[in-house]
């Protein structure tokens, strides 16, 4: 897991061959003018999902994990909490859905603030619970970049 401000994104370029593509998109795009949806950056190797939503309580959300993709979760506006924990510390709640690249888990993890212009990198050995409301916050504009592991 990495949590940082977008202005430090270049420090992560060497972590994966496609991180530069992902972060260049985040750095050069004004998401206030981008509609919700999926945007290919390099076919299915790197793509962005832009979404606007109301954050929820931690109890309303599920722990999720992915095998095929690394998540780069970027808060373009707003702020939220995100839970992150190593997969080995969780219990399996559902079988892995290969088509959707998702599996749900139960258990406890650590929670971190993800403020405006911050990102979190979540690897396949980690489980996350994004979109948790922070006192007094409202709508979130978030971009999730999916980076194929291999």
N, C-alpha and C. Protein backbone atom coordinates (compact mmCIF):
# COMPACT_ATOMS: atom_id res chain seq x y z
N UNK A 1 0.85 -1.17 0.00
CA UNK A 1 0.00 0.00 0.00
C UNK A 1 0.90 1.23 0.00
N UNK A 2 0.47 2.18 -0.79
CA UNK A 2 1.09 3.50 -0.80
C UNK A 2 -0.04 4.52 -0.71
N UNK A 3 0.11 5.49 0.17
CA UNK A 3 -0.83 6.61 0.24
C UNK A 3 0.01 7.88 0.18
N UNK A 4 -0.34 8.76 -0.76
CA UNK A 4 0.45 9.97 -0.92
C UNK A 4 -0.37 11.03 -1.66
N UNK A 5 0.22 12.20 -1.78
CA UNK A 5 -0.36 13.30 -2.53
C UNK A 5 0.04 13.16 -3.99
N UNK A 6 -0.83 13.57 -4.90
CA UNK A 6 -0.57 13.42 -6.33
C UNK A 6 0.71 14.13 -6.76
N UNK A 7 1.09 15.20 -6.09
CA UNK A 7 2.31 15.90 -6.49
C UNK A 7 3.56 15.04 -6.31
N UNK A 8 3.46 13.94 -5.57
CA UNK A 8 4.59 13.02 -5.37
C UNK A 8 4.48 11.77 -6.24
N UNK A 9 3.59 11.78 -7.20
CA UNK A 9 3.34 10.58 -8.01
C UNK A 9 4.58 10.07 -8.73
N UNK A 10 5.46 10.95 -9.15
CA UNK A 10 6.64 10.52 -9.90
C UNK A 10 7.51 9.56 -9.09
N UNK A 11 7.41 9.59 -7.78
CA UNK A 11 8.17 8.66 -6.94
C UNK A 11 7.72 7.21 -7.14
N UNK A 12 6.52 7.03 -7.69
CA UNK A 12 5.96 5.69 -7.88
C UNK A 12 6.16 5.14 -9.29
N UNK A 13 6.67 5.94 -10.22
CA UNK A 13 6.80 5.50 -11.61
C UNK A 13 7.56 4.19 -11.75
N UNK A 14 8.59 3.98 -10.97
CA UNK A 14 9.41 2.78 -11.08
C UNK A 14 8.82 1.53 -10.47
N UNK A 15 7.67 1.64 -9.82
CA UNK A 15 7.08 0.49 -9.15
C UNK A 15 6.41 -0.48 -10.11
N UNK A 16 5.99 0.00 -11.28
CA UNK A 16 5.32 -0.84 -12.28
C UNK A 16 5.49 -0.15 -13.62
N UNK A 17 5.65 -0.93 -14.67
CA UNK A 17 5.91 -0.36 -15.99
C UNK A 17 4.78 0.54 -16.49
N UNK A 18 3.56 0.36 -15.99
CA UNK A 18 2.42 1.16 -16.45
C UNK A 18 1.99 2.26 -15.49
N UNK A 19 2.71 2.44 -14.40
CA UNK A 19 2.33 3.49 -13.46
C UNK A 19 2.50 4.89 -14.06
N UNK A 20 3.51 5.09 -14.91
CA UNK A 20 3.68 6.40 -15.52
C UNK A 20 2.45 6.77 -16.35
N UNK A 21 1.94 5.82 -17.13
CA UNK A 21 0.73 6.05 -17.93
C UNK A 21 -0.44 6.45 -17.02
N UNK A 22 -0.61 5.71 -15.94
CA UNK A 22 -1.71 5.97 -15.01
C UNK A 22 -1.58 7.35 -14.37
N UNK A 23 -0.43 7.65 -13.83
CA UNK A 23 -0.26 8.92 -13.13
C UNK A 23 -0.22 10.11 -14.07
N UNK A 24 0.31 9.94 -15.28
CA UNK A 24 0.27 11.04 -16.26
C UNK A 24 -1.17 11.45 -16.53
N UNK A 25 -2.06 10.48 -16.65
CA UNK A 25 -3.48 10.77 -16.86
C UNK A 25 -4.05 11.56 -15.67
N UNK A 26 -3.73 11.12 -14.46
CA UNK A 26 -4.24 11.82 -13.27
C UNK A 26 -3.68 13.24 -13.19
N UNK A 27 -2.43 13.41 -13.54
CA UNK A 27 -1.78 14.71 -13.44
C UNK A 27 -2.27 15.71 -14.48
N UNK A 28 -2.65 15.24 -15.65
CA UNK A 28 -2.99 16.16 -16.74
C UNK A 28 -4.48 16.36 -16.96
N UNK A 29 -5.33 15.68 -16.21
CA UNK A 29 -6.77 15.71 -16.48
C UNK A 29 -7.51 16.52 -15.42
N UNK A 30 -8.39 17.41 -15.90
CA UNK A 30 -9.31 18.13 -15.02
C UNK A 30 -10.60 17.32 -14.97
N UNK A 31 -10.78 16.56 -13.92
CA UNK A 31 -11.89 15.62 -13.85
C UNK A 31 -13.25 16.28 -13.63
N UNK A 32 -13.27 17.56 -13.34
CA UNK A 32 -14.56 18.24 -13.22
C UNK A 32 -15.28 18.27 -14.56
N UNK A 33 -14.53 18.06 -15.65
CA UNK A 33 -15.10 18.08 -17.00
C UNK A 33 -15.18 16.69 -17.62
N UNK A 34 -14.99 15.65 -16.82
CA UNK A 34 -15.01 14.28 -17.32
C UNK A 34 -16.25 13.58 -16.75
N UNK A 35 -17.04 13.00 -17.62
CA UNK A 35 -18.26 12.29 -17.20
C UNK A 35 -17.89 10.98 -16.50
N UNK A 36 -18.79 10.50 -15.67
CA UNK A 36 -18.61 9.17 -15.08
C UNK A 36 -18.48 8.15 -16.19
N UNK A 37 -17.62 7.15 -15.97
CA UNK A 37 -17.49 6.10 -16.96
C UNK A 37 -16.09 5.51 -16.97
N UNK A 38 -15.89 4.60 -17.90
CA UNK A 38 -14.63 3.89 -18.07
C UNK A 38 -13.87 4.49 -19.25
N UNK A 39 -12.57 4.74 -19.04
CA UNK A 39 -11.73 5.37 -20.05
C UNK A 39 -10.46 4.55 -20.25
N UNK A 40 -10.30 3.90 -21.41
CA UNK A 40 -9.08 3.13 -21.65
C UNK A 40 -7.88 4.05 -21.84
N UNK A 41 -6.80 3.73 -21.17
CA UNK A 41 -5.55 4.48 -21.31
C UNK A 41 -4.53 3.66 -22.08
N UNK A 42 -4.62 2.34 -21.94
CA UNK A 42 -3.81 1.38 -22.70
C UNK A 42 -4.62 0.09 -22.77
N UNK A 43 -5.72 0.14 -23.51
CA UNK A 43 -6.60 -1.03 -23.63
C UNK A 43 -7.04 -1.54 -22.27
N UNK A 44 -6.94 -2.84 -22.07
CA UNK A 44 -7.30 -3.45 -20.79
C UNK A 44 -6.10 -3.52 -19.85
N UNK A 45 -4.95 -3.03 -20.29
CA UNK A 45 -3.77 -3.00 -19.41
C UNK A 45 -3.85 -1.88 -18.39
N UNK A 46 -4.38 -0.74 -18.82
CA UNK A 46 -4.54 0.41 -17.92
C UNK A 46 -5.81 1.13 -18.34
N UNK A 47 -6.74 1.29 -17.40
CA UNK A 47 -7.93 2.06 -17.69
C UNK A 47 -8.40 2.79 -16.43
N UNK A 48 -9.15 3.86 -16.66
CA UNK A 48 -9.64 4.68 -15.57
C UNK A 48 -11.15 4.53 -15.45
N UNK A 49 -11.62 4.57 -14.23
CA UNK A 49 -13.05 4.59 -13.94
C UNK A 49 -13.32 5.86 -13.14
N UNK A 50 -14.09 6.78 -13.72
CA UNK A 50 -14.44 8.04 -13.07
C UNK A 50 -15.83 7.87 -12.45
N UNK A 51 -15.96 8.27 -11.19
CA UNK A 51 -17.23 8.07 -10.50
C UNK A 51 -17.45 9.18 -9.48
N UNK A 52 -18.69 9.61 -9.40
CA UNK A 52 -19.14 10.57 -8.39
C UNK A 52 -20.14 9.84 -7.49
N UNK A 53 -19.98 9.98 -6.19
CA UNK A 53 -20.86 9.26 -5.28
C UNK A 53 -20.89 9.92 -3.91
N UNK A 54 -21.89 9.53 -3.14
CA UNK A 54 -22.00 9.93 -1.74
C UNK A 54 -21.25 8.89 -0.91
N UNK A 55 -20.34 9.30 -0.06
CA UNK A 55 -19.66 8.32 0.80
C UNK A 55 -20.66 7.69 1.78
N UNK A 56 -20.32 6.53 2.27
CA UNK A 56 -21.21 5.78 3.17
C UNK A 56 -20.48 5.45 4.47
N UNK A 57 -21.24 4.91 5.40
CA UNK A 57 -20.61 4.47 6.65
C UNK A 57 -19.83 3.19 6.39
N UNK A 58 -18.85 2.94 7.21
CA UNK A 58 -18.01 1.73 7.06
C UNK A 58 -18.86 0.46 7.12
N UNK A 59 -19.92 0.48 7.91
CA UNK A 59 -20.77 -0.70 8.06
C UNK A 59 -21.55 -1.03 6.78
N UNK A 60 -21.79 -0.04 5.96
CA UNK A 60 -22.54 -0.25 4.72
C UNK A 60 -21.67 -0.78 3.57
N UNK A 61 -20.38 -0.74 3.75
CA UNK A 61 -19.46 -1.09 2.66
C UNK A 61 -18.79 -2.44 2.91
N UNK A 62 -18.25 -3.02 1.84
CA UNK A 62 -17.61 -4.33 1.91
C UNK A 62 -16.11 -4.21 1.67
N UNK A 63 -15.38 -5.12 2.30
CA UNK A 63 -13.95 -5.28 2.00
C UNK A 63 -13.85 -6.02 0.66
N UNK A 64 -13.01 -5.52 -0.24
CA UNK A 64 -12.87 -6.15 -1.55
C UNK A 64 -11.40 -6.30 -1.92
N UNK A 65 -11.15 -7.30 -2.76
CA UNK A 65 -9.80 -7.52 -3.26
C UNK A 65 -9.84 -7.89 -4.73
N UNK A 66 -8.71 -7.68 -5.39
CA UNK A 66 -8.59 -7.95 -6.82
C UNK A 66 -7.32 -8.77 -7.06
N UNK A 67 -7.34 -9.58 -8.09
CA UNK A 67 -6.18 -10.40 -8.43
C UNK A 67 -5.48 -9.95 -9.70
N UNK A 68 -6.25 -9.51 -10.68
CA UNK A 68 -5.68 -9.16 -11.98
C UNK A 68 -5.16 -7.73 -12.06
N UNK A 69 -5.70 -6.86 -11.21
CA UNK A 69 -5.38 -5.43 -11.30
C UNK A 69 -4.92 -4.84 -9.97
N UNK A 70 -4.01 -3.89 -10.08
CA UNK A 70 -3.63 -3.01 -8.98
C UNK A 70 -4.58 -1.82 -9.07
N UNK A 71 -5.09 -1.36 -7.96
CA UNK A 71 -5.93 -0.16 -7.92
C UNK A 71 -5.08 1.04 -7.56
N UNK A 72 -5.25 2.12 -8.31
CA UNK A 72 -4.77 3.43 -7.88
C UNK A 72 -6.04 4.24 -7.67
N UNK A 73 -6.38 4.51 -6.43
CA UNK A 73 -7.61 5.23 -6.10
C UNK A 73 -7.24 6.68 -5.80
N UNK A 74 -7.77 7.59 -6.62
CA UNK A 74 -7.43 9.00 -6.55
C UNK A 74 -8.68 9.83 -6.25
N UNK A 75 -8.63 10.63 -5.20
CA UNK A 75 -9.74 11.50 -4.86
C UNK A 75 -9.50 12.85 -5.55
N UNK A 76 -10.28 13.11 -6.61
CA UNK A 76 -10.16 14.36 -7.35
C UNK A 76 -10.78 15.52 -6.57
N UNK A 77 -11.90 15.25 -5.89
CA UNK A 77 -12.48 16.25 -5.00
C UNK A 77 -13.25 15.55 -3.88
N UNK A 78 -13.26 16.21 -2.73
CA UNK A 78 -13.87 15.63 -1.55
C UNK A 78 -12.82 14.96 -0.68
N UNK A 79 -13.27 14.20 0.29
CA UNK A 79 -12.37 13.40 1.11
C UNK A 79 -13.14 12.23 1.69
N UNK A 80 -12.43 11.17 1.94
CA UNK A 80 -13.03 9.95 2.47
C UNK A 80 -12.01 9.21 3.30
N UNK A 81 -12.47 8.16 3.93
CA UNK A 81 -11.56 7.22 4.58
C UNK A 81 -11.53 5.98 3.72
N UNK A 82 -10.41 5.28 3.78
CA UNK A 82 -10.27 4.01 3.08
C UNK A 82 -9.64 3.02 4.04
N UNK A 83 -10.21 1.83 4.07
CA UNK A 83 -9.64 0.76 4.88
C UNK A 83 -8.73 -0.08 4.01
N UNK A 84 -7.58 -0.48 4.56
CA UNK A 84 -6.64 -1.32 3.83
C UNK A 84 -6.02 -2.31 4.83
N UNK A 85 -5.91 -3.56 4.39
CA UNK A 85 -5.33 -4.60 5.24
C UNK A 85 -4.76 -5.70 4.35
N UNK A 86 -3.78 -6.42 4.85
CA UNK A 86 -3.24 -7.56 4.12
C UNK A 86 -4.29 -8.64 3.99
N UNK A 87 -4.35 -9.26 2.84
CA UNK A 87 -5.38 -10.25 2.54
C UNK A 87 -5.36 -11.42 3.52
N UNK A 88 -4.19 -11.81 4.00
CA UNK A 88 -4.06 -12.94 4.92
C UNK A 88 -4.69 -12.71 6.28
N UNK A 89 -5.02 -11.48 6.60
CA UNK A 89 -5.62 -11.15 7.89
C UNK A 89 -7.15 -11.14 7.83
N UNK A 90 -7.70 -11.48 6.66
CA UNK A 90 -9.15 -11.40 6.46
C UNK A 90 -9.74 -12.80 6.25
N UNK A 91 -11.05 -12.89 6.42
CA UNK A 91 -11.79 -14.12 6.12
C UNK A 91 -12.50 -13.94 4.79
N UNK A 92 -12.55 -15.00 4.00
CA UNK A 92 -13.23 -14.95 2.72
C UNK A 92 -14.73 -14.89 2.94
N UNK A 93 -15.41 -13.94 2.29
CA UNK A 93 -16.86 -13.82 2.38
C UNK A 93 -17.55 -14.37 1.13
N UNK A 94 -16.86 -14.27 -0.02
CA UNK A 94 -17.40 -14.79 -1.28
C UNK A 94 -16.28 -15.43 -2.08
N UNK A 95 -16.67 -16.25 -3.03
CA UNK A 95 -15.69 -16.82 -3.96
C UNK A 95 -15.22 -15.73 -4.91
N UNK A 96 -14.05 -15.91 -5.46
CA UNK A 96 -13.50 -14.96 -6.42
C UNK A 96 -14.30 -14.99 -7.71
N UNK A 97 -14.70 -13.82 -8.20
CA UNK A 97 -15.41 -13.68 -9.47
C UNK A 97 -14.39 -13.23 -10.51
N UNK A 98 -13.94 -14.17 -11.34
CA UNK A 98 -12.89 -13.88 -12.32
C UNK A 98 -13.34 -12.86 -13.36
N UNK A 99 -14.61 -12.92 -13.75
CA UNK A 99 -15.14 -11.99 -14.75
C UNK A 99 -15.06 -10.55 -14.26
N UNK A 100 -15.40 -10.32 -12.99
CA UNK A 100 -15.39 -8.96 -12.43
C UNK A 100 -14.09 -8.65 -11.68
N UNK A 101 -13.20 -9.64 -11.57
CA UNK A 101 -11.96 -9.50 -10.81
C UNK A 101 -12.21 -8.94 -9.42
N UNK A 102 -13.09 -9.60 -8.69
CA UNK A 102 -13.38 -9.14 -7.33
C UNK A 102 -13.70 -10.32 -6.42
N UNK A 103 -13.28 -10.16 -5.18
CA UNK A 103 -13.65 -11.10 -4.13
C UNK A 103 -13.90 -10.26 -2.89
N UNK A 104 -14.91 -10.65 -2.11
CA UNK A 104 -15.25 -9.89 -0.92
C UNK A 104 -14.79 -10.64 0.32
N UNK A 105 -14.49 -9.88 1.37
CA UNK A 105 -13.89 -10.42 2.58
C UNK A 105 -14.58 -9.83 3.81
N UNK A 106 -14.31 -10.43 4.95
CA UNK A 106 -14.78 -9.87 6.22
C UNK A 106 -13.61 -9.85 7.19
N UNK A 107 -13.70 -8.96 8.14
CA UNK A 107 -12.64 -8.81 9.12
C UNK A 107 -12.42 -7.35 9.44
N UNK A 108 -11.30 -7.07 10.07
CA UNK A 108 -10.97 -5.70 10.46
C UNK A 108 -9.66 -5.28 9.81
N UNK A 109 -9.55 -4.00 9.56
CA UNK A 109 -8.34 -3.45 8.97
C UNK A 109 -8.05 -2.08 9.53
N UNK A 110 -7.07 -1.43 8.95
CA UNK A 110 -6.70 -0.08 9.34
C UNK A 110 -7.37 0.91 8.40
N UNK A 111 -7.67 2.09 8.91
CA UNK A 111 -8.35 3.11 8.13
C UNK A 111 -7.48 4.35 8.01
N UNK A 112 -7.48 4.93 6.81
CA UNK A 112 -6.64 6.07 6.50
C UNK A 112 -7.46 7.16 5.84
N UNK A 113 -7.06 8.41 6.07
CA UNK A 113 -7.70 9.54 5.40
C UNK A 113 -7.17 9.60 3.96
N UNK A 114 -8.09 9.80 3.04
CA UNK A 114 -7.73 9.99 1.64
C UNK A 114 -8.38 11.30 1.22
N UNK A 115 -7.61 12.38 1.34
CA UNK A 115 -8.12 13.71 1.06
C UNK A 115 -8.02 14.07 -0.40
N UNK A 116 -8.52 15.25 -0.69
CA UNK A 116 -8.51 15.74 -2.07
C UNK A 116 -7.09 15.78 -2.62
N UNK A 117 -6.95 15.27 -3.84
CA UNK A 117 -5.67 15.20 -4.58
C UNK A 117 -4.72 14.16 -3.99
N UNK A 118 -5.25 13.24 -3.20
CA UNK A 118 -4.43 12.15 -2.67
C UNK A 118 -4.79 10.85 -3.39
N UNK A 119 -3.85 9.90 -3.37
CA UNK A 119 -4.08 8.61 -3.99
C UNK A 119 -3.63 7.49 -3.05
N UNK A 120 -4.22 6.33 -3.29
CA UNK A 120 -3.80 5.11 -2.60
C UNK A 120 -3.55 4.06 -3.67
N UNK A 121 -2.43 3.36 -3.56
CA UNK A 121 -2.14 2.22 -4.44
C UNK A 121 -2.40 0.97 -3.62
N UNK A 122 -3.29 0.12 -4.13
CA UNK A 122 -3.64 -1.11 -3.44
C UNK A 122 -3.27 -2.28 -4.33
N UNK A 123 -2.43 -3.15 -3.82
CA UNK A 123 -1.91 -4.29 -4.56
C UNK A 123 -2.76 -5.54 -4.32
N UNK A 124 -2.63 -6.56 -5.16
CA UNK A 124 -3.45 -7.77 -5.01
C UNK A 124 -3.28 -8.51 -3.68
N UNK A 125 -2.21 -8.26 -2.95
CA UNK A 125 -2.04 -8.91 -1.65
C UNK A 125 -2.72 -8.12 -0.54
N UNK A 126 -3.50 -7.11 -0.94
CA UNK A 126 -4.20 -6.27 0.02
C UNK A 126 -5.70 -6.24 -0.28
N UNK A 127 -6.47 -5.98 0.74
CA UNK A 127 -7.91 -5.85 0.65
C UNK A 127 -8.24 -4.41 1.06
N UNK A 128 -9.26 -3.84 0.43
CA UNK A 128 -9.59 -2.44 0.74
C UNK A 128 -11.10 -2.24 0.86
N UNK A 129 -11.43 -1.17 1.58
CA UNK A 129 -12.82 -0.74 1.76
C UNK A 129 -12.83 0.77 1.53
N UNK A 130 -13.08 1.19 0.28
CA UNK A 130 -13.07 2.62 -0.05
C UNK A 130 -14.44 3.26 0.15
N UNK A 131 -14.45 4.60 0.07
CA UNK A 131 -15.72 5.34 0.05
C UNK A 131 -16.37 5.57 1.39
N UNK A 132 -15.58 5.56 2.46
CA UNK A 132 -16.13 5.73 3.80
C UNK A 132 -16.26 7.22 4.12
N UNK A 133 -17.43 7.60 4.60
CA UNK A 133 -17.71 9.01 4.91
C UNK A 133 -16.84 9.52 6.05
N UNK A 134 -16.46 10.79 5.90
CA UNK A 134 -15.77 11.53 6.95
C UNK A 134 -16.78 12.56 7.44
N UNK A 135 -16.78 12.85 8.73
CA UNK A 135 -17.75 13.79 9.30
C UNK A 135 -17.88 15.05 8.45
N UNK A 136 -19.12 15.35 8.06
CA UNK A 136 -19.41 16.59 7.36
C UNK A 136 -19.08 16.60 5.88
N UNK A 137 -18.60 15.49 5.33
CA UNK A 137 -18.27 15.55 3.89
C UNK A 137 -19.48 15.18 3.05
N UNK A 138 -19.38 15.52 1.78
CA UNK A 138 -20.48 15.22 0.87
C UNK A 138 -19.95 14.45 -0.33
N UNK A 139 -20.38 14.80 -1.51
CA UNK A 139 -20.02 14.05 -2.71
C UNK A 139 -18.53 13.93 -2.94
N UNK A 140 -18.18 12.78 -3.48
CA UNK A 140 -16.79 12.47 -3.83
C UNK A 140 -16.70 12.37 -5.35
N UNK A 141 -15.64 12.90 -5.90
CA UNK A 141 -15.27 12.66 -7.29
C UNK A 141 -13.99 11.86 -7.24
N UNK A 142 -14.10 10.60 -7.64
CA UNK A 142 -12.96 9.68 -7.53
C UNK A 142 -12.65 9.06 -8.87
N UNK A 143 -11.37 8.84 -9.07
CA UNK A 143 -10.89 8.14 -10.26
C UNK A 143 -10.14 6.91 -9.77
N UNK A 144 -10.55 5.75 -10.24
CA UNK A 144 -9.83 4.52 -9.94
C UNK A 144 -9.14 4.09 -11.23
N UNK A 145 -7.82 4.02 -11.17
CA UNK A 145 -7.05 3.53 -12.31
C UNK A 145 -6.76 2.06 -12.04
N UNK A 146 -7.11 1.22 -12.99
CA UNK A 146 -6.84 -0.21 -12.91
C UNK A 146 -5.59 -0.49 -13.75
N UNK A 147 -4.58 -1.07 -13.13
CA UNK A 147 -3.32 -1.39 -13.80
C UNK A 147 -3.14 -2.90 -13.74
N UNK A 148 -3.13 -3.54 -14.91
CA UNK A 148 -2.97 -5.01 -14.96
C UNK A 148 -1.66 -5.40 -14.29
N UNK A 149 -1.73 -6.42 -13.46
CA UNK A 149 -0.57 -6.87 -12.69
C UNK A 149 0.54 -7.37 -13.62
N UNK A 150 0.19 -8.21 -14.57
CA UNK A 150 1.22 -8.82 -15.45
C UNK A 150 1.19 -8.18 -16.81
